[in-house]
Every structure is written in structure tokens, then in C-alpha cells.
C-alpha atoms as a PDB file:
ATOM      1  CA  UNK A   1      72.464  76.404  62.746  1.00  0.00           C
ATOM      2  CA  UNK A   2      70.793  77.650  65.941  1.00  0.00           C
ATOM      3  CA  UNK A   3      72.861  80.057  68.038  1.00  0.00           C
ATOM      4  CA  UNK A   4      72.917  77.727  71.062  1.00  0.00           C
ATOM      5  CA  UNK A   5      74.313  74.929  68.866  1.00  0.00           C
ATOM      6  CA  UNK A   6      76.971  77.263  67.450  1.00  0.00           C
ATOM      7  CA  UNK A   7      78.059  78.342  70.947  1.00  0.00           C
ATOM      8  CA  UNK A   8      77.958  74.713  72.099  1.00  0.00           C
ATOM      9  CA  UNK A   9      80.210  73.627  69.224  1.00  0.00           C
ATOM     10  CA  UNK A  10      82.660  76.398  70.139  1.00  0.00           C
ATOM     11  CA  UNK A  11      82.705  75.330  73.794  1.00  0.00           C
ATOM     12  CA  UNK A  12      83.454  71.762  72.715  1.00  0.00           C
ATOM     13  CA  UNK A  13      86.141  72.924  70.233  1.00  0.00           C
ATOM     14  CA  UNK A  14      87.912  75.096  72.810  1.00  0.00           C
ATOM     15  CA  UNK A  15      87.615  72.355  75.460  1.00  0.00           C
ATOM     16  CA  UNK A  16      89.262  69.806  73.159  1.00  0.00           C
ATOM     17  CA  UNK A  17      91.990  72.327  72.295  1.00  0.00           C
ATOM     18  CA  UNK A  18      92.746  72.500  76.022  1.00  0.00           C
ATOM     19  CA  UNK A  19      92.629  68.663  76.164  1.00  0.00           C
ATOM     20  CA  UNK A  20      89.957  68.713  78.876  1.00  0.00           C
ATOM     21  CA  UNK A  21      87.185  66.200  79.469  1.00  0.00           C
ATOM     22  CA  UNK A  22      83.649  67.375  80.184  1.00  0.00           C
ATOM     23  CA  UNK A  23      84.106  66.362  83.807  1.00  0.00           C
ATOM     24  CA  UNK A  24      87.365  68.305  84.129  1.00  0.00           C
ATOM     25  CA  UNK A  25      85.827  71.410  82.577  1.00  0.00           C
ATOM     26  CA  UNK A  26      82.790  71.115  84.864  1.00  0.00           C
ATOM     27  CA  UNK A  27      85.070  71.015  87.921  1.00  0.00           C
ATOM     28  CA  UNK A  28      86.987  74.095  86.736  1.00  0.00           C
ATOM     29  CA  UNK A  29      83.860  76.267  86.423  1.00  0.00           C
ATOM     30  CA  UNK A  30      81.991  74.711  89.367  1.00  0.00           C
ATOM     31  CA  UNK A  31      79.168  72.939  87.533  1.00  0.00           C
ATOM     32  CA  UNK A  32      78.334  69.376  86.452  1.00  0.00           C
ATOM     33  CA  UNK A  33      79.289  67.139  83.541  1.00  0.00           C
ATOM     34  CA  UNK A  34      75.608  66.947  82.544  1.00  0.00           C
ATOM     35  CA  UNK A  35      75.434  70.737  82.258  1.00  0.00           C
ATOM     36  CA  UNK A  36      78.582  70.892  80.099  1.00  0.00           C
ATOM     37  CA  UNK A  37      77.108  68.177  77.876  1.00  0.00           C
ATOM     38  CA  UNK A  38      73.893  70.176  77.408  1.00  0.00           C
ATOM     39  CA  UNK A  39      75.870  73.328  76.606  1.00  0.00           C
ATOM     40  CA  UNK A  40      77.840  71.499  73.931  1.00  0.00           C
ATOM     41  CA  UNK A  41      74.726  69.918  72.393  1.00  0.00           C
ATOM     42  CA  UNK A  42      72.967  73.280  72.312  1.00  0.00           C
ATOM     43  CA  UNK A  43      70.184  72.004  74.562  1.00  0.00           C
ATOM     44  CA  UNK A  44      70.939  74.732  77.073  1.00  0.00           C
ATOM     45  CA  UNK A  45      72.002  78.378  76.740  1.00  0.00           C
ATOM     46  CA  UNK A  46      75.214  79.357  78.526  1.00  0.00           C
ATOM     47  CA  UNK A  47      74.585  82.563  80.489  1.00  0.00           C
ATOM     48  CA  UNK A  48      76.999  85.498  80.571  1.00  0.00           C
ATOM     49  CA  UNK A  49      78.708  84.397  83.810  1.00  0.00           C
ATOM     50  CA  UNK A  50      79.455  80.999  82.271  1.00  0.00           C
ATOM     51  CA  UNK A  51      80.768  82.591  79.068  1.00  0.00           C
ATOM     52  CA  UNK A  52      83.016  84.948  81.051  1.00  0.00           C
ATOM     53  CA  UNK A  53      84.422  81.985  82.984  1.00  0.00           C
ATOM     54  CA  UNK A  54      84.973  79.969  79.798  1.00  0.00           C
ATOM     55  CA  UNK A  55      86.585  82.877  77.935  1.00  0.00           C
ATOM     56  CA  UNK A  56      89.088  83.324  80.784  1.00  0.00           C
ATOM     57  CA  UNK A  57      89.768  79.598  80.962  1.00  0.00           C
ATOM     58  CA  UNK A  58      90.156  79.120  77.204  1.00  0.00           C
ATOM     59  CA  UNK A  59      91.969  82.469  76.752  1.00  0.00           C
ATOM     60  CA  UNK A  60      89.349  83.567  74.235  1.00  0.00           C
ATOM     61  CA  UNK A  61      87.154  86.633  73.839  1.00  0.00           C
ATOM     62  CA  UNK A  62      83.388  86.518  74.176  1.00  0.00           C
ATOM     63  CA  UNK A  63      83.130  87.174  70.426  1.00  0.00           C
ATOM     64  CA  UNK A  64      85.032  83.935  69.723  1.00  0.00           C
ATOM     65  CA  UNK A  65      81.992  81.956  70.943  1.00  0.00           C
ATOM     66  CA  UNK A  66      79.603  83.557  68.454  1.00  0.00           C
ATOM     67  CA  UNK A  67      79.253  83.354  64.649  1.00  0.00           C
ATOM     68  CA  UNK A  68      80.880  86.110  62.567  1.00  0.00           C
ATOM     69  CA  UNK A  69      78.623  88.877  61.264  1.00  0.00           C
ATOM     70  CA  UNK A  70      77.491  88.128  57.734  1.00  0.00           C
ATOM     71  CA  UNK A  71      78.611  90.584  55.055  1.00  0.00           C
ATOM     72  CA  UNK A  72      76.162  89.226  52.493  1.00  0.00           C
ATOM     73  CA  UNK A  73      74.187  92.016  50.783  1.00  0.00           C
ATOM     74  CA  UNK A  74      70.609  91.868  49.541  1.00  0.00           C
ATOM     75  CA  UNK A  75      69.870  92.408  45.823  1.00  0.00           C
ATOM     76  CA  UNK A  76      67.914  95.604  46.493  1.00  0.00           C
ATOM     77  CA  UNK A  77      69.950  98.567  45.173  1.00  0.00           C
ATOM     78  CA  UNK A  78      69.149 101.078  47.961  1.00  0.00           C
ATOM     79  CA  UNK A  79      70.077  98.540  50.658  1.00  0.00           C
ATOM     80  CA  UNK A  80      73.473  97.714  49.168  1.00  0.00           C
ATOM     81  CA  UNK A  81      74.894 100.897  50.653  1.00  0.00           C
ATOM     82  CA  UNK A  82      72.674 101.188  53.735  1.00  0.00           C
ATOM     83  CA  UNK A  83      73.210  97.730  55.235  1.00  0.00           C
ATOM     84  CA  UNK A  84      77.041  97.756  55.317  1.00  0.00           C
ATOM     85  CA  UNK A  85      76.970 101.274  56.724  1.00  0.00           C
ATOM     86  CA  UNK A  86      74.561 100.252  59.485  1.00  0.00           C
ATOM     87  CA  UNK A  87      76.562  97.150  60.351  1.00  0.00           C
ATOM     88  CA  UNK A  88      79.769  99.167  60.464  1.00  0.00           C
ATOM     89  CA  UNK A  89      78.192 101.619  62.888  1.00  0.00           C
ATOM     90  CA  UNK A  90      76.901  98.768  65.069  1.00  0.00           C
ATOM     91  CA  UNK A  91      80.262  97.017  65.061  1.00  0.00           C
ATOM     92  CA  UNK A  92      82.190 100.222  65.731  1.00  0.00           C
ATOM     93  CA  UNK A  93      79.944 101.175  68.642  1.00  0.00           C
ATOM     94  CA  UNK A  94      79.579  97.736  70.234  1.00  0.00           C
ATOM     95  CA  UNK A  95      83.316  97.072  70.009  1.00  0.00           C
ATOM     96  CA  UNK A  96      83.844  99.924  72.472  1.00  0.00           C
ATOM     97  CA  UNK A  97      81.432  98.458  75.023  1.00  0.00           C
ATOM     98  CA  UNK A  98      82.340  96.267  77.993  1.00  0.00           C
ATOM     99  CA  UNK A  99      81.567  92.566  77.575  1.00  0.00           C
ATOM    100  CA  UNK A 100      78.423  92.745  79.724  1.00  0.00           C
ATOM    101  CA  UNK A 101      77.029  95.555  77.565  1.00  0.00           C
ATOM    102  CA  UNK A 102      78.006  93.703  74.396  1.00  0.00           C
ATOM    103  CA  UNK A 103      75.903  90.761  75.572  1.00  0.00           C
ATOM    104  CA  UNK A 104      72.917  93.098  76.007  1.00  0.00           C
ATOM    105  CA  UNK A 105      73.375  94.264  72.398  1.00  0.00           C
ATOM    106  CA  UNK A 106      73.624  90.627  71.253  1.00  0.00           C
ATOM    107  CA  UNK A 107      70.476  89.582  73.146  1.00  0.00           C
ATOM    108  CA  UNK A 108      68.567  92.498  71.620  1.00  0.00           C
ATOM    109  CA  UNK A 109      69.761  91.601  68.112  1.00  0.00           C
ATOM    110  CA  UNK A 110      68.785  87.941  68.602  1.00  0.00           C
ATOM    111  CA  UNK A 111      65.295  88.973  69.738  1.00  0.00           C
ATOM    112  CA  UNK A 112      64.851  91.204  66.696  1.00  0.00           C
ATOM    113  CA  UNK A 113      66.059  88.450  64.363  1.00  0.00           C
ATOM    114  CA  UNK A 114      63.707  85.938  65.949  1.00  0.00           C
ATOM    115  CA  UNK A 115      60.762  88.306  65.531  1.00  0.00           C
ATOM    116  CA  UNK A 116      61.784  89.025  61.919  1.00  0.00           C
ATOM    117  CA  UNK A 117      61.991  85.310  61.086  1.00  0.00           C
ATOM    118  CA  UNK A 118      58.607  84.707  62.689  1.00  0.00           C
ATOM    119  CA  UNK A 119      57.039  87.413  60.510  1.00  0.00           C
ATOM    120  CA  UNK A 120      58.722  86.077  57.339  1.00  0.00           C
ATOM    121  CA  UNK A 121      57.624  82.526  58.047  1.00  0.00           C
ATOM    122  CA  UNK A 122      54.049  83.641  58.624  1.00  0.00           C
ATOM    123  CA  UNK A 123      53.876  85.137  55.128  1.00  0.00           C
ATOM    124  CA  UNK A 124      54.246  81.676  53.597  1.00  0.00           C
ATOM    125  CA  UNK A 125      51.934  79.851  55.998  1.00  0.00           C
ATOM    126  CA  UNK A 126      48.169  79.413  55.898  1.00  0.00           C
ATOM    127  CA  UNK A 127      46.711  81.344  58.827  1.00  0.00           C
ATOM    128  CA  UNK A 128      44.872  78.340  60.253  1.00  0.00           C
ATOM    129  CA  UNK A 129      48.127  76.355  60.383  1.00  0.00           C
ATOM    130  CA  UNK A 130      50.282  78.940  62.165  1.00  0.00           C
ATOM    131  CA  UNK A 131      51.927  77.460  65.247  1.00  0.00           C
ATOM    132  CA  UNK A 132      52.585  80.175  67.866  1.00  0.00           C
ATOM    133  CA  UNK A 133      56.071  80.402  69.332  1.00  0.00           C
ATOM    134  CA  UNK A 134      55.927  78.670  72.725  1.00  0.00           C
ATOM    135  CA  UNK A 135      56.114  80.860  75.798  1.00  0.00           C
ATOM    136  CA  UNK A 136      59.003  79.911  78.068  1.00  0.00           C
ATOM    137  CA  UNK A 137      58.519  79.645  81.821  1.00  0.00           C
ATOM    138  CA  UNK A 138      61.381  79.823  84.326  1.00  0.00           C
ATOM    139  CA  UNK A 139      61.827  77.263  87.089  1.00  0.00           C
ATOM    140  CA  UNK A 140      64.265  76.480  89.873  1.00  0.00           C
ATOM    141  CA  UNK A 141      66.269  73.532  88.571  1.00  0.00           C
ATOM    142  CA  UNK A 142      68.279  70.947  90.495  1.00  0.00           C
ATOM    143  CA  UNK A 143      70.831  69.551  88.050  1.00  0.00           C
ATOM    144  CA  UNK A 144      71.352  66.362  90.074  1.00  0.00           C
ATOM    145  CA  UNK A 145      68.789  63.812  88.828  1.00  0.00           C
ATOM    146  CA  UNK A 146      66.417  61.907  91.042  1.00  0.00           C
ATOM    147  CA  UNK A 147      66.321  58.205  90.390  1.00  0.00           C
ATOM    148  CA  UNK A 148      63.525  56.296  88.794  1.00  0.00           C
ATOM    149  CA  UNK A 149      65.429  53.158  89.668  1.00  0.00           C
ATOM    150  CA  UNK A 150      68.079  52.602  92.301  1.00  0.00           C
ATOM    151  CA  UNK A 151      68.072  55.989  94.030  1.00  0.00           C
ATOM    152  CA  UNK A 152      70.059  59.188  93.687  1.00  0.00           C
ATOM    153  CA  UNK A 153      71.200  61.677  96.306  1.00  0.00           C
ATOM    154  CA  UNK A 154      69.320  64.988  96.129  1.00  0.00           C
ATOM    155  CA  UNK A 155      70.472  67.090  99.090  1.00  0.00           C
ATOM    156  CA  UNK A 156      73.138  69.807  98.870  1.00  0.00           C
ATOM    157  CA  UNK A 157      72.640  70.218  95.113  1.00  0.00           C
ATOM    158  CA  UNK A 158      73.186  73.641  93.550  1.00  0.00           C
ATOM    159  CA  UNK A 159      69.960  75.257  92.344  1.00  0.00           C
ATOM    160  CA  UNK A 160      69.966  76.831  88.892  1.00  0.00           C
ATOM    161  CA  UNK A 161      67.304  78.314  86.606  1.00  0.00           C
ATOM    162  CA  UNK A 162      65.872  76.601  83.544  1.00  0.00           C
ATOM    163  CA  UNK A 163      63.364  77.825  80.947  1.00  0.00           C
ATOM    164  CA  UNK A 164      60.885  75.339  79.452  1.00  0.00           C
ATOM    165  CA  UNK A 165      57.951  75.790  77.022  1.00  0.00           C
ATOM    166  CA  UNK A 166      55.356  74.525  79.529  1.00  0.00           C
ATOM    167  CA  UNK A 167      53.636  76.220  82.459  1.00  0.00           C
ATOM    168  CA  UNK A 168      53.219  74.429  85.796  1.00  0.00           C
ATOM    169  CA  UNK A 169      52.756  75.804  89.305  1.00  0.00           C
ATOM    170  CA  UNK A 170      55.871  73.941  90.453  1.00  0.00           C
ATOM    171  CA  UNK A 171      58.444  74.772  93.131  1.00  0.00           C
ATOM    172  CA  UNK A 172      61.306  73.170  91.197  1.00  0.00           C
ATOM    173  CA  UNK A 173      62.269  70.913  88.300  1.00  0.00           C
ATOM    174  CA  UNK A 174      64.570  67.880  88.301  1.00  0.00           C
ATOM    175  CA  UNK A 175      65.608  65.384  85.617  1.00  0.00           C
ATOM    176  CA  UNK A 176      64.810  61.669  85.869  1.00  0.00           C
ATOM    177  CA  UNK A 177      67.488  58.998  85.780  1.00  0.00           C
ATOM    178  CA  UNK A 178      66.428  55.399  85.185  1.00  0.00           C
ATOM    179  CA  UNK A 179      63.469  53.498  83.704  1.00  0.00           C
ATOM    180  CA  UNK A 180      61.496  52.259  86.706  1.00  0.00           C
ATOM    181  CA  UNK A 181      58.615  54.677  86.037  1.00  0.00           C
ATOM    182  CA  UNK A 182      58.181  53.764  82.378  1.00  0.00           C
ATOM    183  CA  UNK A 183      55.995  53.968  80.393  1.00  0.00           C
ATOM    184  CA  UNK A 184      54.696  57.114  82.152  1.00  0.00           C
ATOM    185  CA  UNK A 185      58.117  58.761  82.714  1.00  0.00           C
ATOM    186  CA  UNK A 186      61.377  58.155  80.865  1.00  0.00           C
ATOM    187  CA  UNK A 187      65.025  58.647  81.715  1.00  0.00           C
ATOM    188  CA  UNK A 188      66.015  62.187  80.708  1.00  0.00           C
ATOM    189  CA  UNK A 189      62.538  63.664  81.221  1.00  0.00           C
ATOM    190  CA  UNK A 190      62.098  66.735  83.387  1.00  0.00           C
ATOM    191  CA  UNK A 191      59.519  66.459  86.161  1.00  0.00           C
ATOM    192  CA  UNK A 192      57.816  69.348  87.938  1.00  0.00           C
ATOM    193  CA  UNK A 193      57.623  69.075  91.718  1.00  0.00           C
ATOM    194  CA  UNK A 194      55.231  70.847  94.096  1.00  0.00           C
ATOM    195  CA  UNK A 195      56.524  70.781  97.662  1.00  0.00           C
ATOM    196  CA  UNK A 196      54.092  68.847  99.858  1.00  0.00           C
ATOM    197  CA  UNK A 197      54.111  66.267 102.628  1.00  0.00           C
ATOM    198  CA  UNK A 198      50.439  65.374 102.199  1.00  0.00           C
ATOM    199  CA  UNK A 199      50.516  62.673  99.554  1.00  0.00           C
ATOM    200  CA  UNK A 200      47.817  60.022  99.384  1.00  0.00           C
ATOM    201  CA  UNK A 201      47.581  56.482  98.107  1.00  0.00           C
ATOM    202  CA  UNK A 202      48.279  56.438  94.349  1.00  0.00           C
ATOM    203  CA  UNK A 203      50.066  59.815  94.186  1.00  0.00           C
ATOM    204  CA  UNK A 204      53.377  60.015  92.332  1.00  0.00           C
ATOM    205  CA  UNK A 205      56.041  62.058  94.062  1.00  0.00           C
ATOM    206  CA  UNK A 206      59.660  62.557  95.019  1.00  0.00           C
ATOM    207  CA  UNK A 207      60.720  60.785  98.197  1.00  0.00           C
ATOM    208  CA  UNK A 208      63.932  60.664 100.205  1.00  0.00           C
ATOM    209  CA  UNK A 209      64.733  57.160 101.447  1.00  0.00           C
ATOM    210  CA  UNK A 210      67.929  56.696 103.473  1.00  0.00           C
ATOM    211  CA  UNK A 211      69.502  59.743 101.831  1.00  0.00           C
ATOM    212  CA  UNK A 212      68.589  58.917  98.222  1.00  0.00           C
ATOM    213  CA  UNK A 213      65.876  60.632  96.183  1.00  0.00           C
ATOM    214  CA  UNK A 214      63.358  58.489  94.314  1.00  0.00           C
ATOM    215  CA  UNK A 215      60.512  59.217  91.928  1.00  0.00           C
ATOM    216  CA  UNK A 216      57.863  56.630  92.773  1.00  0.00           C
ATOM    217  CA  UNK A 217      54.156  56.055  93.292  1.00  0.00           C
ATOM    218  CA  UNK A 218      53.030  55.942  96.912  1.00  0.00           C
ATOM    219  CA  UNK A 219      50.894  52.882  97.691  1.00  0.00           C
ATOM    220  CA  UNK A 220      49.108  52.427 101.014  1.00  0.00           C
ATOM    221  CA  UNK A 221      47.150  49.236 101.718  1.00  0.00           C
ATOM    222  CA  UNK A 222      46.469  46.682 104.436  1.00  0.00           C
ATOM    223  CA  UNK A 223      50.018  45.317 104.114  1.00  0.00           C
ATOM    224  CA  UNK A 224      51.637  48.705 104.746  1.00  0.00           C
ATOM    225  CA  UNK A 225      53.103  51.570 102.714  1.00  0.00           C
ATOM    226  CA  UNK A 226      55.299  51.112  99.651  1.00  0.00           C
ATOM    227  CA  UNK A 227      57.204  53.071  97.039  1.00  0.00           C
ATOM    228  CA  UNK A 228      55.911  51.516  93.843  1.00  0.00           C
ATOM    229  CA  UNK A 229      57.535  51.416  90.380  1.00  0.00           C
ATOM    230  CA  UNK A 230      55.314  51.521  87.280  1.00  0.00           C
ATOM    231  CA  UNK A 231      57.836  49.303  85.475  1.00  0.00           C
ATOM    232  CA  UNK A 232      57.025  45.737  86.541  1.00  0.00           C
ATOM    233  CA  UNK A 233      60.659  44.618  86.559  1.00  0.00           C
ATOM    234  CA  UNK A 234      61.307  46.654  89.724  1.00  0.00           C
ATOM    235  CA  UNK A 235      60.267  45.524  93.209  1.00  0.00           C
ATOM    236  CA  UNK A 236      58.366  47.788  95.566  1.00  0.00           C
ATOM    237  CA  UNK A 237      60.215  49.410  98.462  1.00  0.00           C
ATOM    238  CA  UNK A 238      58.429  48.940 101.772  1.00  0.00           C
ATOM    239  CA  UNK A 239      58.484  51.803 104.268  1.00  0.00           C
ATOM    240  CA  UNK A 240      57.492  51.828 107.900  1.00  0.00           C
ATOM    241  CA  UNK A 241      57.772  53.951 111.036  1.00  0.00           C
ATOM    242  CA  UNK A 242      61.433  52.976 111.510  1.00  0.00           C
ATOM    243  CA  UNK A 243      62.470  53.858 107.932  1.00  0.00           C
ATOM    244  CA  UNK A 244      64.639  56.897 107.251  1.00  0.00           C
ATOM    245  CA  UNK A 245      62.035  58.350 104.943  1.00  0.00           C
ATOM    246  CA  UNK A 246      60.416  61.663 104.063  1.00  0.00           C
ATOM    247  CA  UNK A 247      58.099  63.033 101.392  1.00  0.00           C
ATOM    248  CA  UNK A 248      59.631  65.874  99.359  1.00  0.00           C
ATOM    249  CA  UNK A 249      56.779  66.742  97.013  1.00  0.00           C
ATOM    250  CA  UNK A 250      54.235  65.693  94.420  1.00  0.00           C
ATOM    251  CA  UNK A 251      54.928  65.302  90.687  1.00  0.00           C
ATOM    252  CA  UNK A 252      52.461  67.613  88.916  1.00  0.00           C
ATOM    253  CA  UNK A 253      53.767  67.285  85.353  1.00  0.00           C
ATOM    254  CA  UNK A 254      56.617  66.277  83.073  1.00  0.00           C
ATOM    255  CA  UNK A 255      58.380  67.430  79.913  1.00  0.00           C
ATOM    256  CA  UNK A 256      60.355  65.384  77.401  1.00  0.00           C
ATOM    257  CA  UNK A 257      63.160  67.436  75.778  1.00  0.00           C
ATOM    258  CA  UNK A 258      63.556  67.187  72.015  1.00  0.00           C
ATOM    259  CA  UNK A 259      66.627  65.237  70.973  1.00  0.00           C
ATOM    260  CA  UNK A 260      69.111  67.368  69.015  1.00  0.00           C
END
């Protein structure tokens, strides 16, 4: 089981022990229900500040969120004595550290394990078929989704950071809610936004219309300007000089998360 899934299962277990809903827990640690859901599914890594807040709330230690250290020995005779001794030294030393320093030790160990697994996997793989580990890029992330449908408020939303295995020159990332931009964009996709007010006919962007944020295609013709949906079951939204309307930015890419 991946570490994020393990931690997510623990968050869910401790939440249910406290008889809290995802919404109630989100309110207690000042985040959103969607974020709690992603933590529990393992789609998103809980940072140290979140884990500190959860450990205080659940009356648990940081270690309670992580899997126990395996005591399984390898069959090699010299390592039977060396591995337990090394683990004992690591445990004895790290147990004396503050929680923040323990997390640094954990992150280092995870990185080493990941590199070790990558090397081991490569030994059993034909060189031409090796798939490189994707490089993660960090983006400003607005957890409140923009609507590909009926509209969703975007202002006054807390900005966070998200890491994704794609590289775009974007100013921020937001999730989509709704199906009005299918088949090009789907509900749950992340879209990458470049701030700009200079969009032309046919460009797809994020627009604020009477306080709600929409992901639409901008159409300009002899009949006027419209926010157009790619899904034919949705009507266009006409805009004019009297409309409470502004362009936020252009969509320069998208990413569909893998279902867990």
C-alpha cells in the first residue's frame, strides 16, 4: 500500500473514531471537504502542518499516522545482525527528535526507499521499456472548483500548493466541476490557467460572470459575444457591455487524475 493511502486510511479511521463527518473535520482544521476526501483516498499528501493539527485533534502522535517499521530480516547471514542493529539505532535516535525533525527523517527515508525500488525494478525491465519516474511540478492551487456548468464562486478562496506530473507555465490550477465542456474537459480534471485579459474568439478560459467562475469558450461574432459550452446540451451565455463580467485567464492545459 502506498504511504499516502496508509496515512489517508488512518485519517479516516481516527475521524470515524471521533464521530466526525468530512465536512466537520474540514471546518475544525480550516480546509475543505474536498481536501479531506483527497487525503483519505491517498490522492493528496497531508503536509506536516496538517498532520500536527490532526494529531492534536485526534489525540494521537505523528507516528500513529504511519505504518510500523518492519522487523522482517533478509536471508543473507551477515545482514541478519546488521539490519536490526541499524534500525534500532535509527529508532533510538529519531525517537529523541522533535516532531518536525522526525518528519525530515521520514521524508529522507521515503526518498531513499523510492530510489531503491526504482533501481530494483529496473533490473527486471528491458532497457527500451523503462518508464522514467515523472517529474512533479508545483503550482498554486485554488481548492474551490470553477464550474463547467452552472457557475461556481471563485473569489476569496484559500490558495494552496499542489504537485502534478506535468509542466505548464501556469499561474494557478483549479479543478473543474460539471460536464458542460465535455468531451474536451471532464468534471474532476485539473486545468492550468495563465492570467490574461486578452482572449480572442475561440479561446477557452476562466471567466467571472456575476460573481461566479466559469470555464467556457469565448465566441465573438456578428450577434455579439458569448460564453460557449462544448457540450451541446448547454445554452450559450450572452455577454454585453452591461454584464458584470471579467476575463480571469486562459486555459493552457489540463490533467486528469488517476482514480484510486
